Amino acid sequence: MRKALGVLFACSLLVPVGIWAAAPGGTAVNTTVPTCKSFSGTETFSPGLPKLGSTTLVKPVQKLTASFTGCSGGGITKGTDNGSTKATTATNCTQLSKNAGKPAAPTTSTTKWSNGQTSTASAVLTTNKVTATLITATIVAKSTAGLGKGHTTTISVTATPNKGFCVSSAFTSLTFKSTKITYK
């Protein structure tokens, strides 16, 4: 579960705080990264992860659509991320369940802000709890390039997977939203 969820939330997890600076030639470049009130989105897995008890392993393509909203600072009001990643490690629901609670391998993502600038981050997801209808996780993202380089953002999220995921059907999709965002 942690590899799939690692890619799931890892995209667009950068909302640290920066400052204004002057670029070469005297033009002002916004280096202030906003604080945002909400992070939410959807992710799909194709093929879906085979349900619990299956020995079949898959490397799904994971498609993410996510956004930061309610942002303020540096003239930025929102940030978006739309990405697609092919898993490098084969998995299934049995493997996801076995790895719950362990940090996933870091993933890299880029957020495009409403002012046209971007931020790139390395993020690690830890799944906290998995039930039949809800997943909770924590994402820690460190900005590595662009707006907010060097700052860290921690996001607590809840995710609702597709009906019957991993029990009566494959794990094919989920929607997620933040419950708390903190910045350092």
N, C-alpha and C. Protein backbone atom coordinates (compact mmCIF):
# COMPACT_ATOMS: atom_id res chain seq x y z
N MET A 1 0.82 -1.18 0.00
CA MET A 1 0.00 0.00 0.00
C MET A 1 0.86 1.23 0.00
N ARG A 2 2.01 1.18 0.67
CA ARG A 2 2.78 2.40 0.81
C ARG A 2 3.35 2.87 -0.51
N LYS A 3 3.75 1.99 -1.46
CA LYS A 3 4.30 2.46 -2.73
C LYS A 3 3.24 3.19 -3.53
N ALA A 4 2.05 2.59 -3.64
CA ALA A 4 0.98 3.24 -4.38
C ALA A 4 0.59 4.55 -3.71
N LEU A 5 0.46 4.54 -2.41
CA LEU A 5 0.09 5.76 -1.72
C LEU A 5 1.21 6.77 -1.73
N GLY A 6 2.46 6.30 -1.81
CA GLY A 6 3.60 7.21 -1.88
C GLY A 6 3.50 8.11 -3.08
N VAL A 7 3.18 7.53 -4.23
CA VAL A 7 3.01 8.34 -5.43
C VAL A 7 1.73 9.16 -5.32
N LEU A 8 0.72 8.53 -4.75
CA LEU A 8 -0.57 9.18 -4.59
C LEU A 8 -0.48 10.58 -4.02
N PHE A 9 0.09 10.72 -2.85
CA PHE A 9 0.08 12.01 -2.19
C PHE A 9 1.33 12.80 -2.44
N ALA A 10 2.34 12.14 -2.96
CA ALA A 10 3.61 12.82 -3.08
C ALA A 10 3.59 13.94 -4.09
N CYS A 11 2.76 13.84 -5.09
CA CYS A 11 2.70 14.91 -6.07
C CYS A 11 2.11 16.15 -5.45
N SER A 12 2.69 17.27 -5.72
CA SER A 12 2.26 18.61 -5.32
C SER A 12 2.18 18.83 -3.82
N LEU A 13 3.25 18.54 -3.12
CA LEU A 13 3.24 18.69 -1.68
C LEU A 13 4.21 19.75 -1.20
N LEU A 14 4.20 20.89 -1.80
CA LEU A 14 5.17 21.89 -1.44
C LEU A 14 4.50 23.21 -1.16
N VAL A 15 4.49 23.61 0.06
CA VAL A 15 3.92 24.90 0.40
C VAL A 15 4.73 25.54 1.52
N PRO A 16 6.07 25.70 1.36
CA PRO A 16 6.86 26.36 2.37
C PRO A 16 6.79 27.88 2.26
N VAL A 17 7.60 28.57 3.04
CA VAL A 17 7.57 30.03 3.06
C VAL A 17 8.91 30.59 2.60
N GLY A 18 8.89 31.58 1.72
CA GLY A 18 10.13 32.18 1.21
C GLY A 18 10.11 33.69 1.36
N ILE A 19 10.91 34.42 0.53
CA ILE A 19 10.99 35.87 0.57
C ILE A 19 11.04 36.43 -0.84
N TRP A 20 10.85 37.74 -0.98
CA TRP A 20 10.99 38.39 -2.28
C TRP A 20 12.47 38.65 -2.56
N ALA A 21 12.88 38.50 -3.83
CA ALA A 21 14.27 38.77 -4.20
C ALA A 21 14.31 39.40 -5.58
N ALA A 22 15.41 40.05 -5.91
CA ALA A 22 15.58 40.66 -7.23
C ALA A 22 16.37 39.73 -8.12
N ALA A 23 15.90 39.56 -9.35
CA ALA A 23 16.58 38.72 -10.33
C ALA A 23 17.61 39.55 -11.08
N PRO A 24 18.52 38.90 -11.82
CA PRO A 24 19.47 39.64 -12.64
C PRO A 24 18.72 40.61 -13.57
N GLY A 25 19.28 41.74 -13.79
CA GLY A 25 18.66 42.73 -14.66
C GLY A 25 17.67 43.60 -13.93
N GLY A 26 17.51 43.40 -12.60
CA GLY A 26 16.65 44.26 -11.81
C GLY A 26 15.18 43.90 -11.82
N THR A 27 14.78 42.81 -12.49
CA THR A 27 13.37 42.44 -12.47
C THR A 27 13.04 41.69 -11.19
N ALA A 28 11.91 41.98 -10.60
CA ALA A 28 11.51 41.32 -9.36
C ALA A 28 10.93 39.94 -9.67
N VAL A 29 11.39 38.95 -8.93
CA VAL A 29 10.88 37.59 -9.05
C VAL A 29 10.25 37.21 -7.73
N ASN A 30 9.07 36.67 -7.77
CA ASN A 30 8.39 36.25 -6.55
C ASN A 30 9.06 35.00 -6.00
N THR A 31 9.59 35.08 -4.79
CA THR A 31 10.14 33.89 -4.13
C THR A 31 9.35 33.57 -2.87
N THR A 32 8.21 34.25 -2.68
CA THR A 32 7.35 33.97 -1.55
C THR A 32 6.40 32.83 -1.91
N VAL A 33 6.48 31.75 -1.16
CA VAL A 33 5.57 30.63 -1.37
C VAL A 33 4.40 30.81 -0.42
N PRO A 34 3.19 30.55 -0.88
CA PRO A 34 2.01 30.81 -0.06
C PRO A 34 1.83 29.77 1.05
N THR A 35 0.97 30.12 1.97
CA THR A 35 0.42 29.13 2.89
C THR A 35 -0.97 28.81 2.35
N CYS A 36 -1.31 27.56 2.32
CA CYS A 36 -2.59 27.14 1.74
C CYS A 36 -3.44 26.45 2.79
N LYS A 37 -4.74 26.61 2.67
CA LYS A 37 -5.67 26.02 3.64
C LYS A 37 -6.02 24.58 3.33
N SER A 38 -5.94 24.19 2.05
CA SER A 38 -6.43 22.86 1.68
C SER A 38 -5.61 22.23 0.56
N PHE A 39 -5.49 20.93 0.61
CA PHE A 39 -4.86 20.13 -0.43
C PHE A 39 -5.79 18.95 -0.69
N SER A 40 -6.20 18.74 -1.96
CA SER A 40 -7.12 17.65 -2.26
C SER A 40 -6.94 17.18 -3.70
N GLY A 41 -7.50 16.01 -3.99
CA GLY A 41 -7.40 15.50 -5.35
C GLY A 41 -7.88 14.07 -5.48
N THR A 42 -7.56 13.50 -6.64
CA THR A 42 -7.91 12.12 -6.94
C THR A 42 -6.70 11.41 -7.53
N GLU A 43 -6.69 10.10 -7.38
CA GLU A 43 -5.65 9.29 -8.00
C GLU A 43 -6.28 7.99 -8.47
N THR A 44 -5.83 7.55 -9.66
CA THR A 44 -6.29 6.28 -10.20
C THR A 44 -5.09 5.37 -10.44
N PHE A 45 -5.33 4.07 -10.40
CA PHE A 45 -4.30 3.06 -10.60
C PHE A 45 -4.76 2.13 -11.72
N SER A 46 -3.95 1.99 -12.77
CA SER A 46 -4.31 1.14 -13.90
C SER A 46 -3.12 0.29 -14.32
N PRO A 47 -3.18 -1.02 -14.21
CA PRO A 47 -4.32 -1.77 -13.68
C PRO A 47 -4.45 -1.57 -12.18
N GLY A 48 -5.63 -1.88 -11.67
CA GLY A 48 -5.86 -1.80 -10.23
C GLY A 48 -5.03 -2.85 -9.50
N LEU A 49 -4.75 -2.58 -8.24
CA LEU A 49 -3.98 -3.53 -7.43
C LEU A 49 -4.88 -4.71 -7.07
N PRO A 50 -4.42 -5.95 -7.37
CA PRO A 50 -5.22 -7.14 -7.06
C PRO A 50 -5.55 -7.22 -5.57
N LYS A 51 -6.76 -7.72 -5.28
CA LYS A 51 -7.26 -7.74 -3.91
C LYS A 51 -6.45 -8.65 -2.99
N LEU A 52 -6.71 -8.51 -1.70
CA LEU A 52 -6.04 -9.30 -0.67
C LEU A 52 -6.12 -10.79 -0.98
N GLY A 53 -5.03 -11.50 -0.76
CA GLY A 53 -4.99 -12.94 -1.00
C GLY A 53 -4.46 -13.30 -2.37
N SER A 54 -4.47 -12.35 -3.30
CA SER A 54 -3.97 -12.61 -4.65
C SER A 54 -2.44 -12.61 -4.64
N THR A 55 -1.86 -13.51 -5.42
CA THR A 55 -0.40 -13.52 -5.56
C THR A 55 0.05 -12.73 -6.78
N THR A 56 -0.90 -12.26 -7.58
CA THR A 56 -0.58 -11.46 -8.76
C THR A 56 -0.04 -10.10 -8.33
N LEU A 57 1.08 -9.70 -8.92
CA LEU A 57 1.68 -8.40 -8.66
C LEU A 57 1.59 -7.55 -9.92
N VAL A 58 1.34 -6.26 -9.78
CA VAL A 58 1.23 -5.35 -10.93
C VAL A 58 2.07 -4.10 -10.69
N LYS A 59 2.43 -3.45 -11.78
CA LYS A 59 3.10 -2.14 -11.73
C LYS A 59 2.16 -1.14 -12.40
N PRO A 60 1.21 -0.60 -11.62
CA PRO A 60 0.21 0.27 -12.23
C PRO A 60 0.74 1.63 -12.66
N VAL A 61 0.06 2.21 -13.62
CA VAL A 61 0.26 3.62 -13.95
C VAL A 61 -0.66 4.38 -13.00
N GLN A 62 -0.08 5.34 -12.28
CA GLN A 62 -0.82 6.12 -11.31
C GLN A 62 -1.01 7.52 -11.86
N LYS A 63 -2.26 7.95 -11.98
CA LYS A 63 -2.57 9.28 -12.50
C LYS A 63 -3.13 10.12 -11.37
N LEU A 64 -2.55 11.30 -11.19
CA LEU A 64 -2.91 12.18 -10.10
C LEU A 64 -3.42 13.51 -10.63
N THR A 65 -4.49 13.99 -10.03
CA THR A 65 -4.97 15.35 -10.23
C THR A 65 -5.15 15.92 -8.83
N ALA A 66 -4.38 16.96 -8.49
CA ALA A 66 -4.43 17.51 -7.14
C ALA A 66 -4.33 19.02 -7.17
N SER A 67 -4.78 19.65 -6.08
CA SER A 67 -4.66 21.10 -6.01
C SER A 67 -4.56 21.59 -4.58
N PHE A 68 -3.84 22.71 -4.44
CA PHE A 68 -3.81 23.48 -3.21
C PHE A 68 -4.79 24.62 -3.42
N THR A 69 -5.63 24.91 -2.44
CA THR A 69 -6.58 26.02 -2.55
C THR A 69 -6.55 26.84 -1.26
N GLY A 70 -7.18 28.00 -1.34
CA GLY A 70 -7.21 28.89 -0.19
C GLY A 70 -5.83 29.41 0.17
N CYS A 71 -5.00 29.65 -0.85
CA CYS A 71 -3.62 30.07 -0.63
C CYS A 71 -3.52 31.59 -0.53
N SER A 72 -2.54 32.05 0.26
CA SER A 72 -2.25 33.47 0.34
C SER A 72 -0.75 33.64 0.52
N GLY A 73 -0.23 34.75 -0.01
CA GLY A 73 1.19 35.05 0.06
C GLY A 73 1.80 35.10 -1.32
N GLY A 74 2.52 36.16 -1.61
CA GLY A 74 3.19 36.30 -2.90
C GLY A 74 2.26 36.41 -4.08
N GLY A 75 0.99 36.76 -3.83
CA GLY A 75 0.03 36.89 -4.92
C GLY A 75 -0.47 35.56 -5.45
N ILE A 76 -0.16 34.47 -4.77
CA ILE A 76 -0.56 33.13 -5.22
C ILE A 76 -1.86 32.74 -4.53
N THR A 77 -2.82 32.23 -5.31
CA THR A 77 -4.11 31.82 -4.76
C THR A 77 -4.33 30.31 -4.79
N LYS A 78 -3.58 29.60 -5.66
CA LYS A 78 -3.75 28.14 -5.74
C LYS A 78 -2.54 27.52 -6.43
N GLY A 79 -2.46 26.21 -6.34
CA GLY A 79 -1.41 25.45 -7.02
C GLY A 79 -2.00 24.14 -7.52
N THR A 80 -1.49 23.65 -8.66
CA THR A 80 -2.03 22.42 -9.23
C THR A 80 -0.93 21.45 -9.64
N ASP A 81 -1.32 20.19 -9.70
CA ASP A 81 -0.43 19.13 -10.15
C ASP A 81 -1.26 18.08 -10.85
N ASN A 82 -0.89 17.78 -12.06
CA ASN A 82 -1.50 16.71 -12.83
C ASN A 82 -0.35 15.86 -13.33
N GLY A 83 -0.29 14.63 -12.87
CA GLY A 83 0.85 13.81 -13.25
C GLY A 83 0.48 12.36 -13.46
N SER A 84 1.41 11.65 -14.06
CA SER A 84 1.26 10.23 -14.31
C SER A 84 2.60 9.56 -14.07
N THR A 85 2.61 8.49 -13.28
CA THR A 85 3.84 7.79 -12.95
C THR A 85 3.60 6.29 -13.04
N LYS A 86 4.54 5.57 -13.62
CA LYS A 86 4.45 4.12 -13.64
C LYS A 86 5.23 3.60 -12.44
N ALA A 87 4.58 2.73 -11.65
CA ALA A 87 5.23 2.16 -10.47
C ALA A 87 6.47 1.38 -10.89
N THR A 88 7.52 1.46 -10.11
CA THR A 88 8.76 0.73 -10.40
C THR A 88 8.83 -0.59 -9.64
N THR A 89 8.00 -0.74 -8.62
CA THR A 89 7.96 -1.97 -7.84
C THR A 89 6.58 -2.59 -7.98
N ALA A 90 6.55 -3.87 -8.34
CA ALA A 90 5.27 -4.57 -8.47
C ALA A 90 4.65 -4.75 -7.09
N THR A 91 3.32 -4.61 -7.03
CA THR A 91 2.63 -4.70 -5.74
C THR A 91 1.22 -5.24 -5.92
N ASN A 92 0.56 -5.46 -4.81
CA ASN A 92 -0.85 -5.82 -4.78
C ASN A 92 -1.39 -5.40 -3.42
N CYS A 93 -2.65 -5.65 -3.14
CA CYS A 93 -3.23 -5.22 -1.86
C CYS A 93 -2.58 -5.92 -0.67
N THR A 94 -2.16 -7.15 -0.84
CA THR A 94 -1.49 -7.87 0.25
C THR A 94 -0.20 -7.15 0.63
N GLN A 95 0.59 -6.72 -0.36
CA GLN A 95 1.83 -5.99 -0.10
C GLN A 95 1.55 -4.63 0.53
N LEU A 96 0.53 -3.95 0.05
CA LEU A 96 0.18 -2.65 0.61
C LEU A 96 -0.17 -2.78 2.08
N SER A 97 -0.97 -3.75 2.40
CA SER A 97 -1.39 -3.97 3.78
C SER A 97 -0.20 -4.32 4.67
N LYS A 98 0.69 -5.15 4.17
CA LYS A 98 1.88 -5.56 4.92
C LYS A 98 2.81 -4.38 5.23
N ASN A 99 2.86 -3.40 4.35
CA ASN A 99 3.78 -2.27 4.50
C ASN A 99 3.16 -1.04 5.15
N ALA A 100 1.89 -1.11 5.53
CA ALA A 100 1.24 0.04 6.18
C ALA A 100 2.02 0.42 7.43
N GLY A 101 2.19 1.72 7.65
CA GLY A 101 2.90 2.23 8.81
C GLY A 101 4.38 2.46 8.57
N LYS A 102 4.88 2.01 7.44
CA LYS A 102 6.30 2.22 7.11
C LYS A 102 6.40 3.35 6.09
N PRO A 103 7.42 4.21 6.22
CA PRO A 103 7.58 5.28 5.24
C PRO A 103 7.85 4.71 3.84
N ALA A 104 7.24 5.32 2.85
CA ALA A 104 7.47 4.92 1.46
C ALA A 104 8.77 5.54 0.96
N ALA A 105 9.25 5.04 -0.15
CA ALA A 105 10.42 5.65 -0.79
C ALA A 105 10.06 7.07 -1.23
N PRO A 106 11.01 7.99 -1.18
CA PRO A 106 10.71 9.36 -1.60
C PRO A 106 10.30 9.43 -3.08
N THR A 107 9.40 10.32 -3.38
CA THR A 107 9.00 10.59 -4.76
C THR A 107 9.18 12.07 -5.03
N THR A 108 9.27 12.43 -6.30
CA THR A 108 9.48 13.82 -6.69
C THR A 108 8.26 14.31 -7.45
N SER A 109 7.88 15.56 -7.20
CA SER A 109 6.75 16.14 -7.91
C SER A 109 6.96 17.63 -8.12
N THR A 110 6.16 18.19 -9.01
CA THR A 110 6.22 19.62 -9.31
C THR A 110 4.83 20.23 -9.20
N THR A 111 4.74 21.35 -8.52
CA THR A 111 3.49 22.10 -8.39
C THR A 111 3.60 23.36 -9.24
N LYS A 112 2.57 23.65 -10.01
CA LYS A 112 2.51 24.90 -10.77
C LYS A 112 1.57 25.83 -10.02
N TRP A 113 2.10 27.01 -9.66
CA TRP A 113 1.34 27.98 -8.89
C TRP A 113 0.55 28.90 -9.81
N SER A 114 -0.47 29.55 -9.27
CA SER A 114 -1.34 30.43 -10.05
C SER A 114 -0.61 31.61 -10.67
N ASN A 115 0.59 31.94 -10.19
CA ASN A 115 1.37 33.04 -10.79
C ASN A 115 2.33 32.54 -11.87
N GLY A 116 2.26 31.24 -12.23
CA GLY A 116 3.08 30.68 -13.30
C GLY A 116 4.39 30.07 -12.83
N GLN A 117 4.78 30.29 -11.59
CA GLN A 117 6.02 29.70 -11.08
C GLN A 117 5.78 28.25 -10.65
N THR A 118 6.87 27.53 -10.42
CA THR A 118 6.78 26.13 -10.01
C THR A 118 7.64 25.86 -8.78
N SER A 119 7.32 24.78 -8.10
CA SER A 119 8.10 24.26 -6.99
C SER A 119 8.28 22.77 -7.22
N THR A 120 9.48 22.27 -6.91
CA THR A 120 9.74 20.83 -7.01
C THR A 120 10.07 20.35 -5.61
N ALA A 121 9.53 19.16 -5.25
CA ALA A 121 9.75 18.64 -3.90
C ALA A 121 10.04 17.15 -3.93
N SER A 122 10.74 16.71 -2.89
CA SER A 122 10.93 15.29 -2.61
C SER A 122 10.04 15.00 -1.41
N ALA A 123 9.13 14.04 -1.55
CA ALA A 123 8.14 13.79 -0.51
C ALA A 123 8.16 12.32 -0.07
N VAL A 124 7.90 12.14 1.23
CA VAL A 124 7.81 10.80 1.80
C VAL A 124 6.44 10.67 2.45
N LEU A 125 5.72 9.60 2.13
CA LEU A 125 4.41 9.35 2.68
C LEU A 125 4.49 8.19 3.67
N THR A 126 3.83 8.35 4.81
CA THR A 126 3.68 7.26 5.77
C THR A 126 2.19 7.04 5.97
N THR A 127 1.74 5.81 5.71
CA THR A 127 0.35 5.46 5.92
C THR A 127 0.15 5.22 7.41
N ASN A 128 -0.80 5.93 8.01
CA ASN A 128 -1.04 5.81 9.44
C ASN A 128 -2.07 4.74 9.77
N LYS A 129 -3.16 4.69 9.00
CA LYS A 129 -4.25 3.76 9.29
C LYS A 129 -4.99 3.43 8.01
N VAL A 130 -5.39 2.15 7.88
CA VAL A 130 -6.18 1.71 6.74
C VAL A 130 -7.38 0.95 7.27
N THR A 131 -8.58 1.39 6.89
CA THR A 131 -9.80 0.66 7.23
C THR A 131 -10.50 0.29 5.93
N ALA A 132 -11.65 -0.33 6.04
CA ALA A 132 -12.39 -0.74 4.85
C ALA A 132 -12.86 0.43 4.01
N THR A 133 -12.94 1.63 4.61
CA THR A 133 -13.48 2.78 3.87
C THR A 133 -12.63 4.04 3.94
N LEU A 134 -11.52 4.00 4.69
CA LEU A 134 -10.75 5.23 4.87
C LEU A 134 -9.26 4.92 5.09
N ILE A 135 -8.43 5.78 4.52
CA ILE A 135 -6.98 5.70 4.71
C ILE A 135 -6.52 7.04 5.26
N THR A 136 -5.69 7.01 6.31
CA THR A 136 -5.09 8.26 6.80
C THR A 136 -3.58 8.14 6.61
N ALA A 137 -2.96 9.27 6.28
CA ALA A 137 -1.52 9.25 6.01
C ALA A 137 -0.93 10.62 6.32
N THR A 138 0.41 10.64 6.43
CA THR A 138 1.15 11.88 6.64
C THR A 138 2.20 12.00 5.54
N ILE A 139 2.28 13.17 4.94
CA ILE A 139 3.25 13.43 3.89
C ILE A 139 4.21 14.50 4.38
N VAL A 140 5.50 14.25 4.25
CA VAL A 140 6.51 15.25 4.58
C VAL A 140 7.26 15.55 3.29
N ALA A 141 7.17 16.79 2.82
CA ALA A 141 7.76 17.19 1.55
C ALA A 141 8.78 18.30 1.75
N LYS A 142 9.96 18.11 1.17
CA LYS A 142 10.99 19.15 1.24
C LYS A 142 11.19 19.71 -0.17
N SER A 143 11.04 21.02 -0.31
CA SER A 143 11.24 21.66 -1.61
C SER A 143 12.72 21.59 -1.99
N THR A 144 12.98 21.10 -3.20
CA THR A 144 14.35 20.91 -3.68
C THR A 144 14.74 21.89 -4.77
N ALA A 145 13.75 22.53 -5.41
CA ALA A 145 14.04 23.49 -6.48
C ALA A 145 12.85 24.41 -6.67
N GLY A 146 13.12 25.57 -7.24
CA GLY A 146 12.06 26.53 -7.53
C GLY A 146 11.61 27.27 -6.29
N LEU A 147 10.39 27.71 -6.33
CA LEU A 147 9.80 28.49 -5.26
C LEU A 147 9.85 27.73 -3.93
N GLY A 148 10.43 28.32 -2.90
CA GLY A 148 10.47 27.73 -1.57
C GLY A 148 11.56 26.70 -1.33
N LYS A 149 12.57 26.66 -2.19
CA LYS A 149 13.64 25.67 -2.06
C LYS A 149 14.18 25.65 -0.61
N GLY A 150 14.28 24.43 -0.05
CA GLY A 150 14.83 24.25 1.29
C GLY A 150 13.80 24.20 2.41
N HIS A 151 12.56 24.55 2.13
CA HIS A 151 11.52 24.53 3.16
C HIS A 151 10.79 23.19 3.17
N THR A 152 10.18 22.87 4.32
CA THR A 152 9.49 21.60 4.49
C THR A 152 8.02 21.83 4.81
N THR A 153 7.16 21.00 4.23
CA THR A 153 5.73 21.04 4.47
C THR A 153 5.28 19.66 4.94
N THR A 154 4.44 19.63 5.97
CA THR A 154 3.87 18.37 6.45
C THR A 154 2.36 18.44 6.28
N ILE A 155 1.79 17.42 5.63
CA ILE A 155 0.36 17.41 5.35
C ILE A 155 -0.24 16.11 5.88
N SER A 156 -1.26 16.23 6.72
CA SER A 156 -2.04 15.07 7.16
C SER A 156 -3.22 14.96 6.20
N VAL A 157 -3.49 13.75 5.70
CA VAL A 157 -4.57 13.56 4.73
C VAL A 157 -5.45 12.38 5.11
N THR A 158 -6.68 12.45 4.62
CA THR A 158 -7.58 11.29 4.65
C THR A 158 -7.94 10.99 3.21
N ALA A 159 -8.07 9.69 2.91
CA ALA A 159 -8.40 9.28 1.54
C ALA A 159 -9.53 8.26 1.58
N THR A 160 -10.41 8.38 0.61
CA THR A 160 -11.51 7.44 0.47
C THR A 160 -11.25 6.61 -0.79
N PRO A 161 -10.96 5.31 -0.64
CA PRO A 161 -10.70 4.45 -1.79
C PRO A 161 -12.00 4.00 -2.46
N ASN A 162 -11.85 3.40 -3.65
CA ASN A 162 -13.02 2.87 -4.36
C ASN A 162 -13.72 1.82 -3.49
N LYS A 163 -15.03 1.67 -3.69
CA LYS A 163 -15.85 0.75 -2.91
C LYS A 163 -15.30 -0.68 -3.00
N GLY A 164 -15.16 -1.32 -1.84
CA GLY A 164 -14.70 -2.71 -1.79
C GLY A 164 -13.22 -2.89 -2.05
N PHE A 165 -12.47 -1.78 -2.07
CA PHE A 165 -11.05 -1.86 -2.43
C PHE A 165 -10.33 -2.92 -1.60
N CYS A 166 -9.54 -3.70 -2.27
CA CYS A 166 -8.67 -4.73 -1.70
C CYS A 166 -9.40 -5.90 -1.06
N VAL A 167 -10.71 -5.81 -0.84
CA VAL A 167 -11.44 -6.94 -0.24
C VAL A 167 -12.27 -7.66 -1.30
N SER A 168 -13.21 -6.92 -1.88
CA SER A 168 -14.06 -7.55 -2.90
C SER A 168 -13.72 -7.08 -4.31
N SER A 169 -12.84 -6.08 -4.41
CA SER A 169 -12.43 -5.60 -5.73
C SER A 169 -11.00 -5.07 -5.68
N ALA A 170 -10.45 -4.84 -6.86
CA ALA A 170 -9.10 -4.29 -6.96
C ALA A 170 -9.10 -2.85 -6.42
N PHE A 171 -7.93 -2.36 -6.06
CA PHE A 171 -7.75 -0.98 -5.61
C PHE A 171 -7.47 -0.16 -6.86
N THR A 172 -8.47 0.60 -7.34
CA THR A 172 -8.36 1.32 -8.60
C THR A 172 -8.32 2.84 -8.48
N SER A 173 -8.84 3.38 -7.38
CA SER A 173 -8.89 4.84 -7.28
C SER A 173 -9.13 5.29 -5.84
N LEU A 174 -8.89 6.58 -5.62
CA LEU A 174 -9.24 7.19 -4.34
C LEU A 174 -9.31 8.70 -4.50
N THR A 175 -10.03 9.31 -3.58
CA THR A 175 -10.05 10.77 -3.46
C THR A 175 -9.43 11.10 -2.11
N PHE A 176 -8.78 12.25 -2.01
CA PHE A 176 -8.12 12.61 -0.76
C PHE A 176 -8.25 14.09 -0.48
N LYS A 177 -8.09 14.42 0.82
CA LYS A 177 -8.11 15.83 1.23
C LYS A 177 -7.27 15.98 2.48
N SER A 178 -6.74 17.17 2.65
CA SER A 178 -5.92 17.44 3.83
C SER A 178 -6.80 17.66 5.05
N THR A 179 -6.24 17.30 6.21
CA THR A 179 -6.89 17.61 7.48
C THR A 179 -6.06 18.63 8.25
N LYS A 180 -4.77 18.74 7.88
CA LYS A 180 -3.87 19.69 8.54
C LYS A 180 -2.65 19.90 7.65
N ILE A 181 -2.20 21.16 7.53
CA ILE A 181 -0.99 21.50 6.79
C ILE A 181 -0.12 22.37 7.70
N THR A 182 1.14 21.98 7.88
CA THR A 182 2.07 22.79 8.66
C THR A 182 3.31 23.09 7.82
N TYR A 183 3.95 24.21 8.11
CA TYR A 183 5.07 24.69 7.33
C TYR A 183 6.28 24.97 8.21
N LYS A 184 7.48 24.66 7.70
CA LYS A 184 8.74 25.00 8.39
C LYS A 184 9.70 25.60 7.41
